[in-house]
Amino acid sequence: MATLPRLVLDTNVCLDLFVFGDASCATLREVLRAGAVQAMTDAACRDEWLRVLGYPQLALDAARRAAAVAAFDESVCLLPTAERLVVPAMPKLPRCADPDDQRFLELAQASGAQWLLSRDRELLKLTRRTRREHGFDILAPQGWAQVYSVAGNSSLKPV
């Protein structure tokens, strides 16, 4: 069986996908449901997700929070510690001013992801460097959908 391509979703993309049903995440939603890619998380990123769901400005009641957690857990795989890639020969990852952003870069590298999906401008600026030095792109969901389709993956079948 072929290994599925991996991606990492930052928290704002998760909100768009699992809470708001944002149309810009439609392709991503379909691809995840079809099992054509493997979305990855780790304990720290999942903890951030749970913390953000409790923010008062989101005004999510218990039922909506529970539904968002269930959708996340159904769609995103927890990276076992034993599977974390150790890549000492690679250059160090770029440093982000926001430590919450840094953990997503680290997860993308450790999981062997091809993509980190984010709308964060500071992260998106790093894609050339992460592609060249670490083997993954940082893309907004809409940009990823275009790249994914152009690469011939629009059938939504595992590659």
N, C-alpha and C. Protein backbone atom coordinates (compact mmCIF):
# COMPACT_ATOMS: atom_id res chain seq x y z
N MET A 1 0.83 -1.19 0.00
CA MET A 1 0.00 0.00 0.00
C MET A 1 0.88 1.25 0.00
N ALA A 2 0.54 2.21 -0.84
CA ALA A 2 1.30 3.44 -0.92
C ALA A 2 1.08 4.28 0.34
N THR A 3 2.14 4.97 0.74
CA THR A 3 2.03 5.87 1.87
C THR A 3 1.30 7.13 1.43
N LEU A 4 0.35 7.55 2.23
CA LEU A 4 -0.40 8.76 1.90
C LEU A 4 0.46 10.00 2.10
N PRO A 5 0.30 11.00 1.24
CA PRO A 5 0.99 12.26 1.48
C PRO A 5 0.45 12.89 2.76
N ARG A 6 1.35 13.51 3.50
CA ARG A 6 0.97 14.10 4.78
C ARG A 6 0.91 15.62 4.70
N LEU A 7 0.03 16.17 5.53
CA LEU A 7 -0.04 17.62 5.67
C LEU A 7 -0.33 17.96 7.12
N VAL A 8 -0.03 19.20 7.46
CA VAL A 8 -0.28 19.73 8.80
C VAL A 8 -1.20 20.94 8.64
N LEU A 9 -2.19 21.04 9.49
CA LEU A 9 -3.15 22.15 9.48
C LEU A 9 -2.90 23.03 10.69
N ASP A 10 -2.70 24.32 10.47
CA ASP A 10 -2.56 25.18 11.65
C ASP A 10 -3.95 25.42 12.26
N THR A 11 -3.97 26.02 13.42
CA THR A 11 -5.22 26.15 14.17
C THR A 11 -6.28 26.96 13.43
N ASN A 12 -5.87 28.03 12.75
CA ASN A 12 -6.86 28.84 12.04
C ASN A 12 -7.48 28.07 10.88
N VAL A 13 -6.70 27.25 10.19
CA VAL A 13 -7.26 26.41 9.13
C VAL A 13 -8.22 25.39 9.75
N CYS A 14 -7.87 24.85 10.90
CA CYS A 14 -8.78 23.92 11.59
C CYS A 14 -10.09 24.61 11.95
N LEU A 15 -10.03 25.85 12.40
CA LEU A 15 -11.26 26.58 12.70
C LEU A 15 -12.11 26.73 11.45
N ASP A 16 -11.47 27.14 10.34
CA ASP A 16 -12.21 27.30 9.09
C ASP A 16 -12.84 25.99 8.64
N LEU A 17 -12.10 24.91 8.82
CA LEU A 17 -12.53 23.60 8.34
C LEU A 17 -13.57 22.95 9.25
N PHE A 18 -13.30 22.92 10.55
CA PHE A 18 -14.12 22.14 11.47
C PHE A 18 -15.18 22.94 12.24
N VAL A 19 -15.05 24.26 12.27
CA VAL A 19 -16.02 25.08 13.00
C VAL A 19 -16.88 25.90 12.04
N PHE A 20 -16.23 26.62 11.13
CA PHE A 20 -16.96 27.57 10.28
C PHE A 20 -17.40 27.00 8.94
N GLY A 21 -16.88 25.85 8.54
CA GLY A 21 -17.25 25.27 7.25
C GLY A 21 -16.91 26.18 6.08
N ASP A 22 -15.79 26.88 6.18
CA ASP A 22 -15.38 27.86 5.17
C ASP A 22 -15.27 27.21 3.79
N ALA A 23 -15.85 27.87 2.80
CA ALA A 23 -15.85 27.35 1.42
C ALA A 23 -14.45 27.21 0.85
N SER A 24 -13.51 28.02 1.34
CA SER A 24 -12.14 27.92 0.83
C SER A 24 -11.46 26.61 1.23
N CYS A 25 -12.07 25.89 2.15
CA CYS A 25 -11.54 24.60 2.59
C CYS A 25 -12.31 23.42 2.00
N ALA A 26 -13.16 23.66 1.00
CA ALA A 26 -14.00 22.59 0.45
C ALA A 26 -13.18 21.45 -0.12
N THR A 27 -12.16 21.76 -0.91
CA THR A 27 -11.33 20.69 -1.49
C THR A 27 -10.61 19.93 -0.39
N LEU A 28 -10.06 20.64 0.56
CA LEU A 28 -9.39 20.01 1.69
C LEU A 28 -10.34 19.07 2.42
N ARG A 29 -11.55 19.53 2.68
CA ARG A 29 -12.56 18.72 3.37
C ARG A 29 -12.82 17.43 2.59
N GLU A 30 -13.00 17.54 1.27
CA GLU A 30 -13.28 16.37 0.43
C GLU A 30 -12.10 15.40 0.42
N VAL A 31 -10.91 15.94 0.30
CA VAL A 31 -9.71 15.10 0.25
C VAL A 31 -9.51 14.36 1.57
N LEU A 32 -9.75 15.04 2.69
CA LEU A 32 -9.64 14.37 3.99
C LEU A 32 -10.70 13.28 4.13
N ARG A 33 -11.93 13.58 3.75
CA ARG A 33 -13.01 12.57 3.84
C ARG A 33 -12.71 11.36 2.97
N ALA A 34 -12.09 11.59 1.81
CA ALA A 34 -11.78 10.50 0.89
C ALA A 34 -10.57 9.68 1.36
N GLY A 35 -9.87 10.17 2.38
CA GLY A 35 -8.69 9.46 2.86
C GLY A 35 -7.52 9.53 1.90
N ALA A 36 -7.46 10.59 1.09
CA ALA A 36 -6.42 10.71 0.07
C ALA A 36 -5.14 11.35 0.60
N VAL A 37 -5.22 12.00 1.76
CA VAL A 37 -4.05 12.55 2.43
C VAL A 37 -4.18 12.23 3.91
N GLN A 38 -3.08 12.38 4.62
CA GLN A 38 -3.09 12.14 6.06
C GLN A 38 -2.73 13.44 6.77
N ALA A 39 -3.70 14.03 7.45
CA ALA A 39 -3.45 15.23 8.24
C ALA A 39 -2.85 14.79 9.57
N MET A 40 -1.80 15.50 9.98
CA MET A 40 -1.06 15.11 11.18
C MET A 40 -1.14 16.18 12.26
N THR A 41 -1.11 15.72 13.50
CA THR A 41 -1.00 16.62 14.65
C THR A 41 -0.12 15.94 15.68
N ASP A 42 0.20 16.65 16.73
CA ASP A 42 0.86 16.06 17.88
C ASP A 42 0.16 16.59 19.13
N ALA A 43 0.60 16.15 20.29
CA ALA A 43 -0.09 16.52 21.52
C ALA A 43 -0.13 18.03 21.73
N ALA A 44 0.98 18.73 21.44
CA ALA A 44 1.03 20.18 21.66
C ALA A 44 0.08 20.91 20.73
N CYS A 45 0.03 20.53 19.47
CA CYS A 45 -0.86 21.19 18.51
C CYS A 45 -2.32 20.88 18.83
N ARG A 46 -2.59 19.65 19.24
CA ARG A 46 -3.98 19.31 19.61
C ARG A 46 -4.39 20.08 20.87
N ASP A 47 -3.48 20.22 21.82
CA ASP A 47 -3.79 21.00 23.02
C ASP A 47 -4.12 22.45 22.67
N GLU A 48 -3.36 23.03 21.72
CA GLU A 48 -3.66 24.39 21.29
C GLU A 48 -5.06 24.46 20.68
N TRP A 49 -5.39 23.46 19.85
CA TRP A 49 -6.72 23.39 19.23
C TRP A 49 -7.81 23.41 20.30
N LEU A 50 -7.66 22.58 21.32
CA LEU A 50 -8.65 22.51 22.39
C LEU A 50 -8.75 23.83 23.15
N ARG A 51 -7.60 24.45 23.39
CA ARG A 51 -7.58 25.74 24.10
C ARG A 51 -8.30 26.82 23.29
N VAL A 52 -8.00 26.90 22.00
CA VAL A 52 -8.61 27.93 21.14
C VAL A 52 -10.12 27.75 21.06
N LEU A 53 -10.59 26.52 21.04
CA LEU A 53 -12.04 26.29 20.98
C LEU A 53 -12.77 26.89 22.17
N GLY A 54 -12.06 27.09 23.26
CA GLY A 54 -12.66 27.68 24.45
C GLY A 54 -12.61 29.20 24.49
N TYR A 55 -12.02 29.84 23.48
CA TYR A 55 -11.93 31.31 23.49
C TYR A 55 -13.33 31.93 23.49
N PRO A 56 -13.56 32.89 24.37
CA PRO A 56 -14.88 33.52 24.45
C PRO A 56 -15.32 34.19 23.14
N GLN A 57 -14.36 34.74 22.39
CA GLN A 57 -14.74 35.43 21.15
C GLN A 57 -15.32 34.48 20.10
N LEU A 58 -15.06 33.19 20.22
CA LEU A 58 -15.67 32.22 19.30
C LEU A 58 -17.13 31.94 19.68
N ALA A 59 -17.44 32.13 20.94
CA ALA A 59 -18.81 31.93 21.44
C ALA A 59 -19.39 30.58 21.04
N LEU A 60 -18.57 29.53 21.20
CA LEU A 60 -19.04 28.17 20.88
C LEU A 60 -19.67 27.56 22.12
N ASP A 61 -20.87 27.04 21.97
CA ASP A 61 -21.48 26.32 23.09
C ASP A 61 -20.84 24.93 23.18
N ALA A 62 -21.16 24.21 24.22
CA ALA A 62 -20.54 22.90 24.46
C ALA A 62 -20.77 21.94 23.31
N ALA A 63 -21.94 21.97 22.71
CA ALA A 63 -22.25 21.05 21.60
C ALA A 63 -21.39 21.36 20.38
N ARG A 64 -21.22 22.64 20.05
CA ARG A 64 -20.39 23.00 18.89
C ARG A 64 -18.92 22.69 19.15
N ARG A 65 -18.47 22.92 20.38
CA ARG A 65 -17.08 22.57 20.72
C ARG A 65 -16.88 21.07 20.59
N ALA A 66 -17.81 20.29 21.12
CA ALA A 66 -17.69 18.83 21.04
C ALA A 66 -17.71 18.35 19.59
N ALA A 67 -18.55 18.95 18.76
CA ALA A 67 -18.60 18.57 17.34
C ALA A 67 -17.29 18.92 16.64
N ALA A 68 -16.70 20.07 16.97
CA ALA A 68 -15.43 20.47 16.36
C ALA A 68 -14.31 19.53 16.79
N VAL A 69 -14.28 19.16 18.06
CA VAL A 69 -13.27 18.22 18.56
C VAL A 69 -13.44 16.87 17.87
N ALA A 70 -14.66 16.39 17.77
CA ALA A 70 -14.91 15.09 17.13
C ALA A 70 -14.51 15.12 15.66
N ALA A 71 -14.83 16.19 14.94
CA ALA A 71 -14.46 16.29 13.53
C ALA A 71 -12.94 16.32 13.37
N PHE A 72 -12.27 17.05 14.24
CA PHE A 72 -10.80 17.11 14.23
C PHE A 72 -10.23 15.72 14.47
N ASP A 73 -10.68 15.07 15.54
CA ASP A 73 -10.14 13.76 15.90
C ASP A 73 -10.42 12.70 14.84
N GLU A 74 -11.50 12.85 14.12
CA GLU A 74 -11.84 11.91 13.05
C GLU A 74 -10.96 12.13 11.82
N SER A 75 -10.53 13.36 11.60
CA SER A 75 -9.83 13.72 10.37
C SER A 75 -8.32 13.82 10.50
N VAL A 76 -7.82 13.99 11.71
CA VAL A 76 -6.41 14.29 11.93
C VAL A 76 -5.78 13.19 12.78
N CYS A 77 -4.61 12.71 12.34
CA CYS A 77 -3.91 11.62 13.02
C CYS A 77 -2.89 12.19 14.00
N LEU A 78 -2.84 11.60 15.18
CA LEU A 78 -1.85 11.98 16.18
C LEU A 78 -0.54 11.29 15.84
N LEU A 79 0.52 12.06 15.67
CA LEU A 79 1.83 11.51 15.34
C LEU A 79 2.43 10.86 16.57
N PRO A 80 2.65 9.54 16.53
CA PRO A 80 3.28 8.88 17.67
C PRO A 80 4.72 9.40 17.85
N THR A 81 5.14 9.53 19.08
CA THR A 81 6.49 10.02 19.36
C THR A 81 7.53 9.19 18.64
N ALA A 82 7.32 7.89 18.56
CA ALA A 82 8.28 7.00 17.90
C ALA A 82 8.40 7.26 16.40
N GLU A 83 7.39 7.89 15.81
CA GLU A 83 7.42 8.17 14.37
C GLU A 83 8.02 9.52 14.03
N ARG A 84 8.33 10.32 15.02
CA ARG A 84 8.90 11.64 14.74
C ARG A 84 10.23 11.47 14.02
N LEU A 85 10.36 12.14 12.89
CA LEU A 85 11.59 12.06 12.12
C LEU A 85 12.67 12.89 12.79
N VAL A 86 13.85 12.33 12.89
CA VAL A 86 14.99 13.06 13.41
C VAL A 86 15.84 13.43 12.20
N VAL A 87 16.04 14.71 12.01
CA VAL A 87 16.73 15.19 10.80
C VAL A 87 17.90 16.10 11.18
N PRO A 88 18.93 15.53 11.81
CA PRO A 88 20.03 16.37 12.27
C PRO A 88 20.85 17.00 11.14
N ALA A 89 20.83 16.40 9.95
CA ALA A 89 21.64 16.92 8.85
C ALA A 89 21.02 18.14 8.17
N MET A 90 19.75 18.38 8.41
CA MET A 90 19.07 19.52 7.77
C MET A 90 19.40 20.82 8.51
N PRO A 91 19.33 21.93 7.78
CA PRO A 91 19.47 23.23 8.45
C PRO A 91 18.34 23.40 9.48
N LYS A 92 18.59 24.25 10.45
CA LYS A 92 17.56 24.51 11.45
C LYS A 92 16.35 25.16 10.79
N LEU A 93 15.19 24.84 11.34
CA LEU A 93 13.96 25.48 10.87
C LEU A 93 14.02 26.98 11.12
N PRO A 94 13.36 27.76 10.28
CA PRO A 94 13.27 29.20 10.56
C PRO A 94 12.59 29.42 11.90
N ARG A 95 12.96 30.49 12.58
CA ARG A 95 12.34 30.83 13.87
C ARG A 95 11.19 31.78 13.64
N CYS A 96 10.07 31.48 14.27
CA CYS A 96 8.90 32.34 14.20
C CYS A 96 8.82 33.18 15.47
N ALA A 97 8.33 34.40 15.32
CA ALA A 97 8.14 35.25 16.49
C ALA A 97 7.08 34.65 17.42
N ASP A 98 6.10 33.98 16.84
CA ASP A 98 5.01 33.38 17.60
C ASP A 98 5.32 31.90 17.85
N PRO A 99 5.53 31.51 19.11
CA PRO A 99 5.84 30.11 19.39
C PRO A 99 4.73 29.15 18.97
N ASP A 100 3.50 29.64 18.92
CA ASP A 100 2.40 28.79 18.45
C ASP A 100 2.60 28.43 16.98
N ASP A 101 3.16 29.35 16.19
CA ASP A 101 3.46 29.06 14.79
C ASP A 101 4.64 28.11 14.67
N GLN A 102 5.62 28.28 15.53
CA GLN A 102 6.83 27.45 15.47
C GLN A 102 6.49 25.97 15.61
N ARG A 103 5.56 25.65 16.48
CA ARG A 103 5.23 24.24 16.70
C ARG A 103 4.68 23.59 15.44
N PHE A 104 4.01 24.35 14.57
CA PHE A 104 3.49 23.78 13.33
C PHE A 104 4.61 23.51 12.33
N LEU A 105 5.61 24.39 12.28
CA LEU A 105 6.79 24.12 11.45
C LEU A 105 7.48 22.84 11.93
N GLU A 106 7.66 22.74 13.24
CA GLU A 106 8.32 21.56 13.82
C GLU A 106 7.53 20.29 13.53
N LEU A 107 6.22 20.36 13.63
CA LEU A 107 5.38 19.20 13.35
C LEU A 107 5.47 18.81 11.88
N ALA A 108 5.44 19.78 10.98
CA ALA A 108 5.54 19.47 9.55
C ALA A 108 6.85 18.74 9.27
N GLN A 109 7.93 19.21 9.84
CA GLN A 109 9.22 18.55 9.63
C GLN A 109 9.24 17.17 10.28
N ALA A 110 8.81 17.08 11.52
CA ALA A 110 8.89 15.81 12.26
C ALA A 110 7.99 14.73 11.68
N SER A 111 6.89 15.13 11.05
CA SER A 111 5.95 14.14 10.50
C SER A 111 6.25 13.77 9.05
N GLY A 112 7.21 14.47 8.45
CA GLY A 112 7.50 14.22 7.04
C GLY A 112 6.40 14.75 6.12
N ALA A 113 5.70 15.78 6.57
CA ALA A 113 4.60 16.35 5.78
C ALA A 113 5.13 17.01 4.51
N GLN A 114 4.32 16.99 3.48
CA GLN A 114 4.63 17.71 2.25
C GLN A 114 4.14 19.14 2.31
N TRP A 115 3.13 19.38 3.14
CA TRP A 115 2.51 20.70 3.20
C TRP A 115 2.14 21.07 4.63
N LEU A 116 2.29 22.35 4.92
CA LEU A 116 1.73 22.98 6.11
C LEU A 116 0.71 23.98 5.59
N LEU A 117 -0.54 23.81 5.97
CA LEU A 117 -1.59 24.72 5.51
C LEU A 117 -1.86 25.77 6.57
N SER A 118 -1.79 27.03 6.14
CA SER A 118 -1.92 28.16 7.05
C SER A 118 -2.38 29.38 6.26
N ARG A 119 -2.95 30.33 6.97
CA ARG A 119 -3.24 31.64 6.38
C ARG A 119 -2.35 32.71 7.00
N ASP A 120 -1.51 32.31 7.92
CA ASP A 120 -0.64 33.24 8.63
C ASP A 120 0.42 33.79 7.68
N ARG A 121 0.43 35.10 7.50
CA ARG A 121 1.35 35.73 6.54
C ARG A 121 2.81 35.46 6.86
N GLU A 122 3.14 35.48 8.15
CA GLU A 122 4.54 35.24 8.53
C GLU A 122 4.96 33.82 8.18
N LEU A 123 4.09 32.86 8.37
CA LEU A 123 4.41 31.49 7.97
C LEU A 123 4.48 31.35 6.46
N LEU A 124 3.52 31.93 5.76
CA LEU A 124 3.48 31.80 4.30
C LEU A 124 4.74 32.37 3.64
N LYS A 125 5.35 33.37 4.25
CA LYS A 125 6.58 33.96 3.71
C LYS A 125 7.75 32.97 3.74
N LEU A 126 7.64 31.94 4.54
CA LEU A 126 8.76 30.99 4.72
C LEU A 126 8.75 29.84 3.73
N THR A 127 7.77 29.76 2.84
CA THR A 127 7.62 28.55 2.03
C THR A 127 8.81 28.25 1.14
N ARG A 128 9.43 29.26 0.55
CA ARG A 128 10.60 28.96 -0.31
C ARG A 128 11.71 28.29 0.50
N ARG A 129 11.93 28.83 1.68
CA ARG A 129 12.99 28.27 2.52
C ARG A 129 12.64 26.87 3.01
N THR A 130 11.40 26.67 3.46
CA THR A 130 11.04 25.34 3.95
C THR A 130 11.01 24.32 2.82
N ARG A 131 10.63 24.75 1.63
CA ARG A 131 10.64 23.83 0.48
C ARG A 131 12.09 23.42 0.17
N ARG A 132 12.96 24.41 0.09
CA ARG A 132 14.36 24.16 -0.28
C ARG A 132 15.11 23.38 0.80
N GLU A 133 14.94 23.78 2.05
CA GLU A 133 15.76 23.22 3.12
C GLU A 133 15.11 22.08 3.89
N HIS A 134 13.77 21.98 3.83
CA HIS A 134 13.09 21.01 4.69
C HIS A 134 12.08 20.13 3.97
N GLY A 135 11.85 20.39 2.69
CA GLY A 135 11.01 19.50 1.89
C GLY A 135 9.51 19.66 2.04
N PHE A 136 9.05 20.78 2.61
CA PHE A 136 7.61 20.99 2.67
C PHE A 136 7.26 22.43 2.29
N ASP A 137 6.08 22.58 1.70
CA ASP A 137 5.56 23.89 1.33
C ASP A 137 4.60 24.39 2.39
N ILE A 138 4.51 25.70 2.51
CA ILE A 138 3.52 26.34 3.38
C ILE A 138 2.57 27.07 2.45
N LEU A 139 1.32 26.66 2.47
CA LEU A 139 0.32 27.18 1.54
C LEU A 139 -0.98 27.49 2.26
N ALA A 140 -1.72 28.46 1.73
CA ALA A 140 -3.10 28.68 2.17
C ALA A 140 -3.94 27.54 1.61
N PRO A 141 -5.06 27.22 2.23
CA PRO A 141 -5.88 26.10 1.74
C PRO A 141 -6.26 26.20 0.26
N GLN A 142 -6.59 27.41 -0.22
CA GLN A 142 -6.97 27.55 -1.62
C GLN A 142 -5.77 27.27 -2.53
N GLY A 143 -4.60 27.76 -2.16
CA GLY A 143 -3.39 27.50 -2.95
C GLY A 143 -3.05 26.03 -2.96
N TRP A 144 -3.21 25.39 -1.81
CA TRP A 144 -2.95 23.95 -1.75
C TRP A 144 -3.91 23.19 -2.65
N ALA A 145 -5.18 23.57 -2.66
CA ALA A 145 -6.18 22.89 -3.50
C ALA A 145 -5.78 22.97 -4.96
N GLN A 146 -5.26 24.11 -5.39
CA GLN A 146 -4.82 24.25 -6.78
C GLN A 146 -3.61 23.37 -7.06
N VAL A 147 -2.64 23.38 -6.17
CA VAL A 147 -1.44 22.55 -6.34
C VAL A 147 -1.82 21.08 -6.35
N TYR A 148 -2.68 20.69 -5.43
CA TYR A 148 -3.10 19.29 -5.31
C TYR A 148 -3.80 18.83 -6.58
N SER A 149 -4.68 19.65 -7.12
CA SER A 149 -5.41 19.30 -8.35
C SER A 149 -4.49 19.28 -9.56
N VAL A 150 -3.60 20.26 -9.68
CA VAL A 150 -2.68 20.32 -10.82
C VAL A 150 -1.75 19.11 -10.83
N ALA A 151 -1.43 18.61 -9.65
CA ALA A 151 -0.54 17.45 -9.56
C ALA A 151 -1.23 16.16 -9.98
N GLY A 152 -2.48 16.26 -10.40
CA GLY A 152 -3.19 15.07 -10.87
C GLY A 152 -3.88 14.29 -9.78
N ASN A 153 -4.09 14.92 -8.65
CA ASN A 153 -4.70 14.24 -7.52
C ASN A 153 -6.17 14.54 -7.36
N SER A 154 -6.79 15.12 -8.36
CA SER A 154 -8.18 15.55 -8.20
C SER A 154 -9.16 14.38 -8.13
N SER A 155 -8.69 13.16 -8.35
CA SER A 155 -9.57 12.00 -8.25
C SER A 155 -9.95 11.68 -6.81
N LEU A 156 -9.24 12.29 -5.86
CA LEU A 156 -9.48 12.09 -4.43
C LEU A 156 -9.23 10.66 -3.99
N LYS A 157 -8.43 9.94 -4.72
CA LYS A 157 -8.06 8.58 -4.31
C LYS A 157 -6.67 8.63 -3.71
N PRO A 158 -6.38 7.74 -2.75
CA PRO A 158 -5.04 7.72 -2.19
C PRO A 158 -4.01 7.51 -3.30
N VAL A 159 -2.89 8.22 -3.16
CA VAL A 159 -1.81 8.11 -4.15
C VAL A 159 -0.76 7.12 -3.69
